[in-house]
N, C-alpha and C. Protein backbone atom coordinates (compact mmCIF):
# COMPACT_ATOMS: atom_id res chain seq x y z
N MET A 1 0.76 -1.01 0.44
CA MET A 1 -0.09 -0.05 -0.12
C MET A 1 0.91 1.32 -0.17
N THR A 2 0.59 2.36 -0.91
CA THR A 2 1.39 3.35 -0.75
C THR A 2 0.70 4.64 -0.64
N LEU A 3 0.97 5.54 0.45
CA LEU A 3 0.46 6.29 1.20
C LEU A 3 0.86 7.61 0.66
N LEU A 4 0.54 9.07 0.63
CA LEU A 4 1.20 9.96 -0.14
C LEU A 4 2.47 10.78 0.73
N HIS A 5 1.96 10.77 1.96
CA HIS A 5 3.40 11.19 3.24
C HIS A 5 4.14 10.03 4.06
N ALA A 6 4.87 10.34 4.09
CA ALA A 6 5.98 9.46 4.98
C ALA A 6 6.91 10.16 5.80
N VAL A 7 7.19 10.12 6.94
CA VAL A 7 8.29 10.42 7.92
C VAL A 7 9.03 9.48 8.19
N ALA A 8 10.62 9.56 7.61
CA ALA A 8 11.77 8.15 8.06
C ALA A 8 12.30 9.18 9.22
N TRP A 9 12.76 7.97 10.12
CA TRP A 9 13.92 8.06 11.43
C TRP A 9 14.92 7.26 10.82
N VAL A 10 16.16 8.10 10.59
CA VAL A 10 17.19 7.24 10.12
C VAL A 10 18.56 7.52 11.12
N ASP A 11 19.13 6.53 11.54
CA ASP A 11 20.38 6.47 12.00
C ASP A 11 21.62 5.64 11.30
N HIS A 12 22.65 5.46 11.50
CA HIS A 12 23.63 4.33 10.77
C HIS A 12 23.03 2.85 11.27
N HIS A 13 22.42 2.31 11.78
CA HIS A 13 22.24 1.06 12.10
C HIS A 13 20.62 0.65 11.89
N SER A 14 20.01 1.71 11.95
CA SER A 14 18.27 1.25 11.35
C SER A 14 17.57 2.38 11.13
N ALA A 15 16.72 2.06 10.71
CA ALA A 15 15.41 3.18 9.75
C ALA A 15 14.27 2.90 10.29
N GLN A 16 12.93 3.76 10.40
CA GLN A 16 11.68 3.55 10.74
C GLN A 16 11.20 4.35 9.54
N VAL A 17 10.79 3.68 8.57
CA VAL A 17 9.71 4.71 7.67
C VAL A 17 8.21 4.19 7.96
N LEU A 18 7.75 5.32 8.41
CA LEU A 18 6.05 5.08 8.47
C LEU A 18 5.27 6.12 7.78
N GLN A 19 4.68 5.44 6.14
CA GLN A 19 3.89 5.89 5.77
C GLN A 19 2.12 6.41 6.29
N PHE A 20 1.80 7.37 5.91
CA PHE A 20 0.23 8.01 6.67
C PHE A 20 -0.52 8.61 5.84
N ASP A 21 -1.63 8.71 5.94
CA ASP A 21 -3.01 9.65 5.70
C ASP A 21 -3.52 9.92 6.74
N ALA A 22 -4.48 10.63 6.66
CA ALA A 22 -5.30 10.97 7.69
C ALA A 22 -5.84 10.02 8.74
N SER A 23 -6.02 8.79 8.35
CA SER A 23 -6.90 7.84 9.32
C SER A 23 -5.52 6.50 9.44
N GLN A 24 -4.45 5.99 8.61
CA GLN A 24 -4.17 4.98 8.82
C GLN A 24 -2.43 5.24 8.94
N VAL A 25 -1.34 4.29 9.42
CA VAL A 25 -0.08 4.43 9.50
C VAL A 25 0.54 3.28 9.28
N VAL A 26 1.25 2.85 8.02
CA VAL A 26 1.73 1.63 7.75
C VAL A 26 3.26 1.56 8.01
N ALA A 27 3.89 1.38 9.17
CA ALA A 27 5.46 1.09 9.59
C ALA A 27 6.32 -0.18 9.07
N GLN A 28 7.61 0.34 8.32
CA GLN A 28 8.30 -0.49 8.13
C GLN A 28 9.67 -0.13 8.92
N GLN A 29 10.26 -1.29 9.18
CA GLN A 29 11.50 -1.39 10.23
C GLN A 29 12.83 -1.49 9.01
N VAL A 30 13.74 -0.63 9.06
CA VAL A 30 14.98 -1.50 8.05
C VAL A 30 16.02 -1.46 8.91
N ARG A 31 16.81 -2.65 8.84
CA ARG A 31 17.96 -2.63 10.27
C ARG A 31 19.40 -2.59 8.79
N ALA A 32 20.32 -2.11 9.73
CA ALA A 32 21.93 -2.18 8.66
C ALA A 32 22.43 -3.61 8.69
N HIS A 33 22.92 -4.45 8.03
CA HIS A 33 23.37 -5.91 8.05
C HIS A 33 24.84 -5.59 7.78
N ALA A 34 25.61 -5.94 8.94
CA ALA A 34 26.93 -5.93 9.11
C ALA A 34 27.91 -7.08 8.55
N HIS A 35 28.26 -6.40 7.38
CA HIS A 35 29.23 -7.20 6.49
C HIS A 35 30.76 -7.15 6.75
N TYR A 36 31.10 -7.51 7.82
CA TYR A 36 32.62 -7.46 8.20
C TYR A 36 33.66 -8.58 7.23
N THR A 37 34.44 -7.71 6.68
CA THR A 37 35.52 -7.94 6.03
C THR A 37 36.75 -7.51 5.90
N ARG A 38 37.42 -7.96 5.55
CA ARG A 38 39.38 -7.58 5.67
C ARG A 38 39.18 -6.54 4.37
N GLN A 39 38.40 -6.89 3.85
CA GLN A 39 38.63 -5.78 2.35
C GLN A 39 38.12 -4.24 2.68
N HIS A 40 39.02 -3.34 2.35
CA HIS A 40 38.85 -2.22 2.53
C HIS A 40 37.89 -1.33 2.07
N GLY A 41 37.24 -0.46 2.95
CA GLY A 41 36.15 -0.07 2.14
C GLY A 41 34.65 -0.68 2.66
N SER A 42 34.75 -2.00 3.22
CA SER A 42 33.70 -2.81 3.64
C SER A 42 32.45 -2.11 4.32
N SER A 43 32.88 -1.31 5.20
CA SER A 43 31.79 -0.46 6.11
C SER A 43 31.01 1.08 5.09
N VAL A 44 31.64 1.08 4.32
CA VAL A 44 31.01 2.03 3.46
C VAL A 44 29.87 0.98 2.29
N ARG A 45 30.53 0.08 1.65
CA ARG A 45 29.67 -0.62 1.44
C ARG A 45 28.25 -1.15 2.26
N SER A 46 28.53 -1.34 3.32
CA SER A 46 27.16 -2.11 4.20
C SER A 46 26.29 -0.91 4.25
N GLU A 47 26.89 0.47 4.53
CA GLU A 47 25.88 1.51 4.64
C GLU A 47 25.23 1.90 3.48
N HIS A 48 25.94 1.74 2.42
CA HIS A 48 24.85 1.97 1.01
C HIS A 48 23.87 0.91 0.81
N GLU A 49 24.70 -0.19 1.40
CA GLU A 49 23.17 -1.12 1.17
C GLU A 49 22.21 -1.13 2.27
N PHE A 50 22.32 -0.62 3.03
CA PHE A 50 21.39 -0.06 3.92
C PHE A 50 20.55 1.20 4.03
N PHE A 51 21.44 2.42 3.10
CA PHE A 51 20.57 3.42 2.69
C PHE A 51 19.84 3.18 1.58
N GLY A 52 20.46 2.23 0.79
CA GLY A 52 19.42 1.53 -0.53
C GLY A 52 18.43 1.10 0.35
N GLU A 53 18.30 0.58 1.20
CA GLU A 53 17.02 -0.49 1.71
C GLU A 53 15.95 0.68 2.01
N VAL A 54 16.61 1.60 3.11
CA VAL A 54 16.04 2.59 3.14
C VAL A 54 15.12 3.50 1.79
N CYS A 55 15.66 3.82 0.90
CA CYS A 55 15.70 4.38 -0.22
C CYS A 55 13.92 3.67 -0.55
N ASP A 56 14.68 2.11 -0.83
CA ASP A 56 13.40 1.05 -1.20
C ASP A 56 12.05 1.50 -0.47
N ALA A 57 12.15 1.64 0.77
CA ALA A 57 11.09 1.53 1.50
C ALA A 57 10.12 2.91 1.21
N MET A 58 10.95 3.83 0.64
CA MET A 58 10.21 5.34 0.56
C MET A 58 9.93 5.42 -0.72
N LYS A 59 10.36 4.47 -1.80
CA LYS A 59 10.62 4.91 -3.19
C LYS A 59 9.05 5.50 -3.91
N ASP A 60 7.92 4.58 -3.47
CA ASP A 60 7.04 5.31 -4.23
C ASP A 60 5.93 6.35 -3.10
N VAL A 61 6.42 6.76 -2.62
CA VAL A 61 5.83 7.99 -1.51
C VAL A 61 5.92 9.41 -2.13
N ALA A 62 5.03 10.17 -2.33
CA ALA A 62 5.05 11.10 -2.85
C ALA A 62 5.77 12.37 -2.04
N GLU A 63 5.95 12.65 -1.05
CA GLU A 63 6.61 13.27 0.21
C GLU A 63 7.32 13.09 1.16
N VAL A 64 8.28 13.03 1.35
CA VAL A 64 9.11 12.11 2.73
C VAL A 64 9.79 13.17 3.90
N LEU A 65 9.31 12.96 4.92
CA LEU A 65 10.15 14.28 5.98
C LEU A 65 11.20 13.08 6.58
N VAL A 66 12.52 13.19 6.45
CA VAL A 66 13.66 12.33 6.97
C VAL A 66 13.85 13.28 8.05
N THR A 67 14.15 12.36 9.60
CA THR A 67 14.43 12.86 10.44
C THR A 67 15.66 12.14 11.43
N GLY A 68 16.16 12.41 12.35
CA GLY A 68 17.50 11.65 13.01
C GLY A 68 18.43 12.81 13.29
N SER A 69 19.64 12.19 13.55
CA SER A 69 20.59 12.81 14.13
C SER A 69 20.70 13.97 12.93
N HIS A 70 21.63 14.62 13.13
CA HIS A 70 22.35 15.32 12.29
C HIS A 70 23.55 14.84 11.16
N THR A 71 24.04 13.90 11.44
CA THR A 71 25.21 13.39 10.94
C THR A 71 24.60 12.23 10.53
N ALA A 72 23.32 11.10 11.01
CA ALA A 72 23.18 10.46 9.85
C ALA A 72 21.79 11.05 8.84
N GLN A 73 21.51 12.36 9.16
CA GLN A 73 20.83 12.85 8.00
C GLN A 73 21.81 13.09 6.60
N ALA A 74 22.74 13.76 7.15
CA ALA A 74 23.72 14.41 6.33
C ALA A 74 24.34 13.02 5.50
N ASP A 75 24.77 11.99 6.38
CA ASP A 75 25.36 10.96 5.18
C ASP A 75 24.14 10.39 4.35
N PHE A 76 22.64 10.07 4.89
CA PHE A 76 21.77 9.74 3.96
C PHE A 76 21.50 10.59 2.92
N ARG A 77 21.59 12.21 2.90
CA ARG A 77 21.14 12.93 2.41
C ARG A 77 22.63 12.75 1.13
N HIS A 78 23.37 12.28 1.57
CA HIS A 78 24.59 12.04 0.51
C HIS A 78 24.11 11.07 -0.38
N TYR A 79 24.12 10.16 0.49
CA TYR A 79 24.08 9.01 -0.26
C TYR A 79 22.44 8.73 -1.58
N ALA A 80 21.39 9.58 -0.85
CA ALA A 80 20.60 9.45 -1.87
C ALA A 80 20.48 10.59 -2.99
N GLN A 81 21.25 11.59 -2.26
CA GLN A 81 21.28 12.56 -3.74
C GLN A 81 22.57 12.00 -4.94
N ASN A 82 23.60 11.38 -4.58
CA ASN A 82 24.36 10.53 -4.99
C ASN A 82 23.99 9.11 -6.14
N HIS A 83 23.16 8.51 -5.33
CA HIS A 83 22.73 7.23 -5.53
C HIS A 83 21.42 7.00 -6.00
N ARG A 84 20.21 7.78 -5.70
CA ARG A 84 19.26 7.37 -5.66
C ARG A 84 18.37 8.47 -5.65
N PRO A 85 18.80 9.34 -6.93
CA PRO A 85 17.96 10.83 -6.94
C PRO A 85 16.50 11.07 -7.58
N GLU A 86 16.40 9.72 -7.72
CA GLU A 86 14.54 9.53 -7.75
C GLU A 86 14.18 9.89 -6.61
N VAL A 87 14.72 9.17 -5.63
CA VAL A 87 14.26 9.01 -4.44
C VAL A 87 14.54 10.36 -3.76
N ALA A 88 15.49 10.86 -3.74
CA ALA A 88 16.04 12.00 -3.06
C ALA A 88 15.27 13.31 -3.41
N HIS A 89 14.58 13.45 -4.68
CA HIS A 89 13.54 14.60 -5.09
C HIS A 89 12.56 14.68 -4.02
N ARG A 90 12.15 13.58 -3.96
CA ARG A 90 10.89 13.26 -2.87
C ARG A 90 10.99 13.51 -1.58
N ILE A 91 12.21 13.70 -1.34
CA ILE A 91 12.75 14.38 0.36
C ILE A 91 12.14 15.48 0.12
N VAL A 92 11.36 16.23 0.96
CA VAL A 92 10.71 17.70 1.14
C VAL A 92 11.23 18.23 2.28
N GLY A 93 11.77 17.42 3.11
CA GLY A 93 12.07 18.09 4.30
C GLY A 93 13.29 17.24 5.20
N TRP A 94 14.17 18.22 6.43
CA TRP A 94 14.80 17.18 6.80
C TRP A 94 14.50 17.57 8.47
N GLU A 95 14.62 17.17 9.39
CA GLU A 95 14.59 17.68 10.87
C GLU A 95 15.65 16.81 11.94
N THR A 96 16.03 17.28 12.40
CA THR A 96 17.37 16.78 13.34
C THR A 96 16.24 16.49 14.89
N VAL A 97 15.98 15.21 15.00
CA VAL A 97 15.30 14.54 16.29
C VAL A 97 16.19 13.90 16.89
N GLY A 98 15.70 13.50 18.38
CA GLY A 98 16.48 12.10 19.25
C GLY A 98 15.66 11.00 18.80
N HIS A 99 15.30 10.45 19.54
CA HIS A 99 14.48 8.90 19.78
C HIS A 99 13.29 9.32 19.35
N PRO A 100 12.57 10.03 18.89
CA PRO A 100 10.98 9.50 19.06
C PRO A 100 10.26 8.75 18.82
N SER A 101 9.09 8.25 19.18
CA SER A 101 8.00 7.04 19.04
C SER A 101 7.61 7.29 17.36
N GLY A 102 7.09 5.99 17.10
CA GLY A 102 6.80 5.95 16.01
C GLY A 102 5.43 6.72 16.08
N ASN A 103 4.92 7.51 17.09
CA ASN A 103 3.37 8.34 17.18
C ASN A 103 3.92 9.52 17.18
N GLU A 104 5.09 9.81 17.96
CA GLU A 104 5.16 11.35 18.02
C GLU A 104 6.13 11.37 16.27
N LEU A 105 6.39 10.70 15.71
CA LEU A 105 7.26 10.65 14.51
C LEU A 105 5.98 11.24 13.54
N VAL A 106 4.78 10.51 13.72
CA VAL A 106 3.53 10.91 13.13
C VAL A 106 3.17 12.36 12.88
N ALA A 107 2.87 12.88 14.29
CA ALA A 107 2.65 13.77 14.68
C ALA A 107 3.55 15.03 14.47
N LEU A 108 4.67 14.97 14.32
CA LEU A 108 5.72 15.76 13.88
C LEU A 108 5.70 15.71 12.33
N ALA A 109 5.43 14.69 11.55
CA ALA A 109 5.40 14.72 10.20
C ALA A 109 3.94 15.32 9.77
N ARG A 110 2.78 15.23 10.39
CA ARG A 110 1.59 15.66 10.28
C ARG A 110 1.70 17.40 10.40
N ARG A 111 2.13 17.87 11.23
CA ARG A 111 2.38 19.02 11.86
C ARG A 111 3.15 19.90 10.47
N TYR A 112 4.39 19.21 10.33
CA TYR A 112 5.18 19.43 9.41
C TYR A 112 4.61 19.48 8.15
N PHE A 113 3.65 18.98 7.37
CA PHE A 113 3.03 18.75 6.13
C PHE A 113 1.73 19.89 6.34
N THR A 114 1.16 19.72 7.30
CA THR A 114 0.30 20.85 7.45
C THR A 114 0.42 22.34 7.05
N VAL A 115 2.25 22.46 7.99
CA VAL A 115 2.43 24.03 7.72
C VAL A 115 2.80 23.84 5.88
N GLN A 116 3.59 22.99 5.49
CA GLN A 116 3.97 23.17 4.12
C GLN A 116 2.65 23.42 2.92
N ALA A 117 1.74 22.98 3.61
CA ALA A 117 0.42 23.06 2.76
C ALA A 117 -0.19 24.29 2.71
N GLY A 118 -0.18 24.80 3.98
CA GLY A 118 -0.05 26.10 4.25
C GLY A 118 0.65 27.27 3.63
N MET A 119 1.72 27.12 3.49
CA MET A 119 2.76 27.76 2.71
C MET A 119 2.30 27.84 1.44
N ALA A 120 2.03 26.70 0.90
CA ALA A 120 1.93 26.56 -0.50
C ALA A 120 0.33 27.17 -1.24
N THR A 121 -0.42 27.11 -0.40
CA THR A 121 -1.70 27.99 -0.68
C THR A 121 -1.65 29.56 -0.88
N PRO A 122 -1.96 29.88 -2.49
CA PRO A 122 -1.80 31.28 -1.90
C PRO A 122 -2.58 32.20 -1.21
N MET A 123 -2.09 33.65 -1.46
CA MET A 123 -2.96 34.19 -0.35
C MET A 123 -4.41 34.76 -1.23
N LYS A 124 -5.33 35.17 -0.58
CA LYS A 124 -6.69 35.66 -1.31
C LYS A 124 -6.64 37.24 -1.21
N ALA A 125 -6.89 37.70 -2.32
CA ALA A 125 -6.93 39.33 -2.35
C ALA A 125 -8.09 39.88 -1.20
N GLY A 126 -8.13 40.65 -0.41
CA GLY A 126 -8.98 40.81 0.24
C GLY A 126 -9.95 42.11 -0.53
């Protein structure tokens, strides 16, 4: 099921992607898989695989708000812009937050998208 909006909380080990509308929330968890090898750069490849799975979880959503720590957001943004531009252009906002619950994330996202919709509406002439 694909919904119009989603909020994602991302760190370097796990992500929570919550698609929602006015009446329902669909949650998806994504966890990093550590592939430790002696090969140089294996941690970068593991992070890319993880961020790729996060992008897959939000690929059909029209607008996404990404949350998490500043560092995790920066790393995810870099990955999405360079490797998954079709997803990156759907990310409409970035918010630095701690570890909110799923309900807190959805409430934050609903407020965010409501404010964004209010800014997009043209002013009426008086």
